[in-house]
Each structure stands twice: as structure tokens, then as C-alpha cells.
C-alpha atoms as a PDB file:
ATOM      1  CA  MET A   1     104.949  85.555  67.366  1.00  0.00           C
ATOM      2  CA  LEU A   2     107.854  83.262  68.204  1.00  0.00           C
ATOM      3  CA  ILE A   3     110.290  86.135  67.732  1.00  0.00           C
ATOM      4  CA  TRP A   4     109.070  87.740  70.994  1.00  0.00           C
ATOM      5  CA  LEU A   5     110.070  84.615  72.922  1.00  0.00           C
ATOM      6  CA  ILE A   6     113.690  84.998  71.851  1.00  0.00           C
ATOM      7  CA  ASP A   7     116.152  86.696  74.183  1.00  0.00           C
ATOM      8  CA  PRO A   8     115.670  90.498  73.944  1.00  0.00           C
ATOM      9  CA  VAL A   9     119.284  90.964  72.850  1.00  0.00           C
ATOM     10  CA  GLU A  10     118.861  88.446  70.058  1.00  0.00           C
ATOM     11  CA  ARG A  11     115.552  90.026  69.127  1.00  0.00           C
ATOM     12  CA  LEU A  12     117.184  93.439  68.772  1.00  0.00           C
ATOM     13  CA  ALA A  13     119.982  91.922  66.697  1.00  0.00           C
ATOM     14  CA  THR A  14     117.448  90.491  64.237  1.00  0.00           C
ATOM     15  CA  MET A  15     115.479  93.723  63.899  1.00  0.00           C
ATOM     16  CA  SER A  16     116.085  96.431  61.419  1.00  0.00           C
ATOM     17  CA  HIS A  17     117.057  99.835  62.701  1.00  0.00           C
ATOM     18  CA  ALA A  18     113.520 101.168  62.131  1.00  0.00           C
ATOM     19  CA  GLU A  19     111.966  98.185  63.919  1.00  0.00           C
ATOM     20  CA  GLU A  20     114.353  98.641  66.808  1.00  0.00           C
ATOM     21  CA  ILE A  21     113.412 102.318  67.134  1.00  0.00           C
ATOM     22  CA  ALA A  22     109.708 101.496  66.958  1.00  0.00           C
ATOM     23  CA  ALA A  23     110.080  98.788  69.620  1.00  0.00           C
ATOM     24  CA  LEU A  24     112.040 101.132  71.883  1.00  0.00           C
ATOM     25  CA  GLN A  25     109.469 103.884  71.399  1.00  0.00           C
ATOM     26  CA  LYS A  26     106.691 101.474  72.290  1.00  0.00           C
ATOM     27  CA  THR A  27     108.585 100.343  75.392  1.00  0.00           C
ATOM     28  CA  ASN A  28     109.288 103.960  76.318  1.00  0.00           C
ATOM     29  CA  ALA A  29     105.618 104.889  75.955  1.00  0.00           C
ATOM     30  CA  ALA A  30     104.589 101.967  78.162  1.00  0.00           C
ATOM     31  CA  LEU A  31     107.148 102.962  80.778  1.00  0.00           C
ATOM     32  CA  GLU A  32     105.988 106.583  80.696  1.00  0.00           C
ATOM     33  CA  GLU A  33     102.400 105.419  81.244  1.00  0.00           C
ATOM     34  CA  GLU A  34     103.570 103.322  84.178  1.00  0.00           C
ATOM     35  CA  VAL A  35     105.434 106.298  85.648  1.00  0.00           C
ATOM     36  CA  GLU A  36     102.316 108.470  85.374  1.00  0.00           C
ATOM     37  CA  ARG A  37     100.185 105.758  86.973  1.00  0.00           C
ATOM     38  CA  LEU A  38     102.669 105.406  89.823  1.00  0.00           C
ATOM     39  CA  ARG A  39     102.860 109.190  90.261  1.00  0.00           C
ATOM     40  CA  GLY A  40      99.097 109.253  90.614  1.00  0.00           C
ATOM     41  CA  GLN A  41      99.227 106.507  93.220  1.00  0.00           C
ATOM     42  CA  LEU A  42     102.004 108.317  95.067  1.00  0.00           C
ATOM     43  CA  ALA A  43     100.033 111.567  95.107  1.00  0.00           C
ATOM     44  CA  ALA A  44      96.975 109.738  96.445  1.00  0.00           C
ATOM     45  CA  ARG A  45      99.024 108.013  99.165  1.00  0.00           C
ATOM     46  CA  GLU A  46     100.693 111.297 100.135  1.00  0.00           C
ATOM     47  CA  ASN A  47      97.255 112.901 100.418  1.00  0.00           C
ATOM     48  CA  ASP A  48      96.036 110.001 102.565  1.00  0.00           C
ATOM     49  CA  LEU A  49      99.112 110.355 104.754  1.00  0.00           C
ATOM     50  CA  GLN A  50      98.532 114.093 105.216  1.00  0.00           C
ATOM     51  CA  ILE A  51      94.929 113.434 106.232  1.00  0.00           C
ATOM     52  CA  GLU A  52      96.012 110.745 108.694  1.00  0.00           C
ATOM     53  CA  GLN A  53      98.701 112.996 110.156  1.00  0.00           C
ATOM     54  CA  ALA A  54      96.196 115.831 110.600  1.00  0.00           C
ATOM     55  CA  ALA A  55      93.768 113.454 112.297  1.00  0.00           C
ATOM     56  CA  GLN A  56      96.567 112.194 114.551  1.00  0.00           C
ATOM     57  CA  ARG A  57      97.516 115.758 115.529  1.00  0.00           C
ATOM     58  CA  SER A  58      93.877 116.535 116.263  1.00  0.00           C
ATOM     59  CA  LEU A  59      93.497 113.430 118.410  1.00  0.00           C
ATOM     60  CA  THR A  60      96.738 114.188 120.243  1.00  0.00           C
ATOM     61  CA  ASP A  61      95.591 117.740 120.975  1.00  0.00           C
ATOM     62  CA  LYS A  62      92.194 116.502 122.131  1.00  0.00           C
ATOM     63  CA  HIS A  63      93.820 113.859 124.332  1.00  0.00           C
ATOM     64  CA  LYS A  64      96.086 116.473 125.915  1.00  0.00           C
ATOM     65  CA  ALA A  65      93.145 118.785 126.589  1.00  0.00           C
ATOM     66  CA  LEU A  66      91.125 115.963 128.125  1.00  0.00           C
ATOM     67  CA  MET A  67      94.040 114.914 130.330  1.00  0.00           C
ATOM     68  CA  GLU A  68      94.424 118.506 131.543  1.00  0.00           C
ATOM     69  CA  GLU A  69      90.695 118.774 132.212  1.00  0.00           C
ATOM     70  CA  ASN A  70      90.756 115.441 134.046  1.00  0.00           C
ATOM     71  CA  ALA A  71      93.628 116.643 136.267  1.00  0.00           C
ATOM     72  CA  ARG A  72      91.758 119.898 136.990  1.00  0.00           C
ATOM     73  CA  LEU A  73      88.571 118.027 137.873  1.00  0.00           C
ATOM     74  CA  LYS A  74      90.509 115.700 140.186  1.00  0.00           C
ATOM     75  CA  GLU A  75      91.938 118.736 141.967  1.00  0.00           C
ATOM     76  CA  GLU A  76      88.474 120.260 142.318  1.00  0.00           C
ATOM     77  CA  LEU A  77      87.107 116.960 143.609  1.00  0.00           C
ATOM     78  CA  ALA A  78      89.886 116.739 146.201  1.00  0.00           C
ATOM     79  CA  VAL A  79      89.100 120.285 147.392  1.00  0.00           C
ATOM     80  CA  LEU A  80      85.378 119.537 147.591  1.00  0.00           C
ATOM     81  CA  GLN A  81      86.022 116.305 149.478  1.00  0.00           C
ATOM     82  CA  ARG A  82      88.174 118.167 152.029  1.00  0.00           C
ATOM     83  CA  LEU A  83      85.464 120.788 152.408  1.00  0.00           C
ATOM     84  CA  ALA A  84      82.850 118.071 152.890  1.00  0.00           C
ATOM     85  CA  GLU A  85      85.017 116.358 155.510  1.00  0.00           C
ATOM     86  CA  LYS A  86      85.529 119.630 157.394  1.00  0.00           C
ATOM     87  CA  SER A  87      81.832 120.365 157.201  1.00  0.00           C
ATOM     88  CA  SER A  88      80.864 116.949 158.552  1.00  0.00           C
ATOM     89  CA  ARG A  89      83.386 117.223 161.414  1.00  0.00           C
ATOM     90  CA  LYS A  90      81.898 120.549 162.526  1.00  0.00           C
ATOM     91  CA  ARG A  91      78.455 119.010 162.946  1.00  0.00           C
END
């Protein structure tokens, strides 16, 4: 157990060639597992980002449409107010 506390370079120097290969294979397998785990996380985050971007585009489009409708309604209101003013002046 104490051998694993020794500097990794010293540890490799004290190992046999077969032990060194086995240790490197074990390290490689652990790193490959970590890469796969991180790839999964990346894919999930990319999917989340795509969903958020789609929602943002939808909200932007809806906001634009509502702003246009608001401007149109303000124009209609101004026309109706002028008509009402003209109508009340004629009376």
C-alpha cells in the first residue's frame, strides 16, 4: 500500500515491465471512462443549449409580433379617437 504513496516516477522505476503495462492499462481505462462520462455530459449540455436557444428564438418572435400588434392597435386607437373628436364637435 505504501508503494502508491511514492512519487509516480519512482513507482514506475520499481515496477516490472508487466506491472508497468498493467498500471498504464488501468490508468488508460479509467481515463477512457472519464472521457465517455464527459462526452455524455457535453451532449446533454449541448441539447439543453439547443432547447434554450429554440425557446429564446420563439420568445423573440413572439415579442416582435406583440410589438407589431401593439403599434397597430395604437394606430387604430388614434384613428378612433380622432373620429370620436370629430363626431363630438359636430354635435
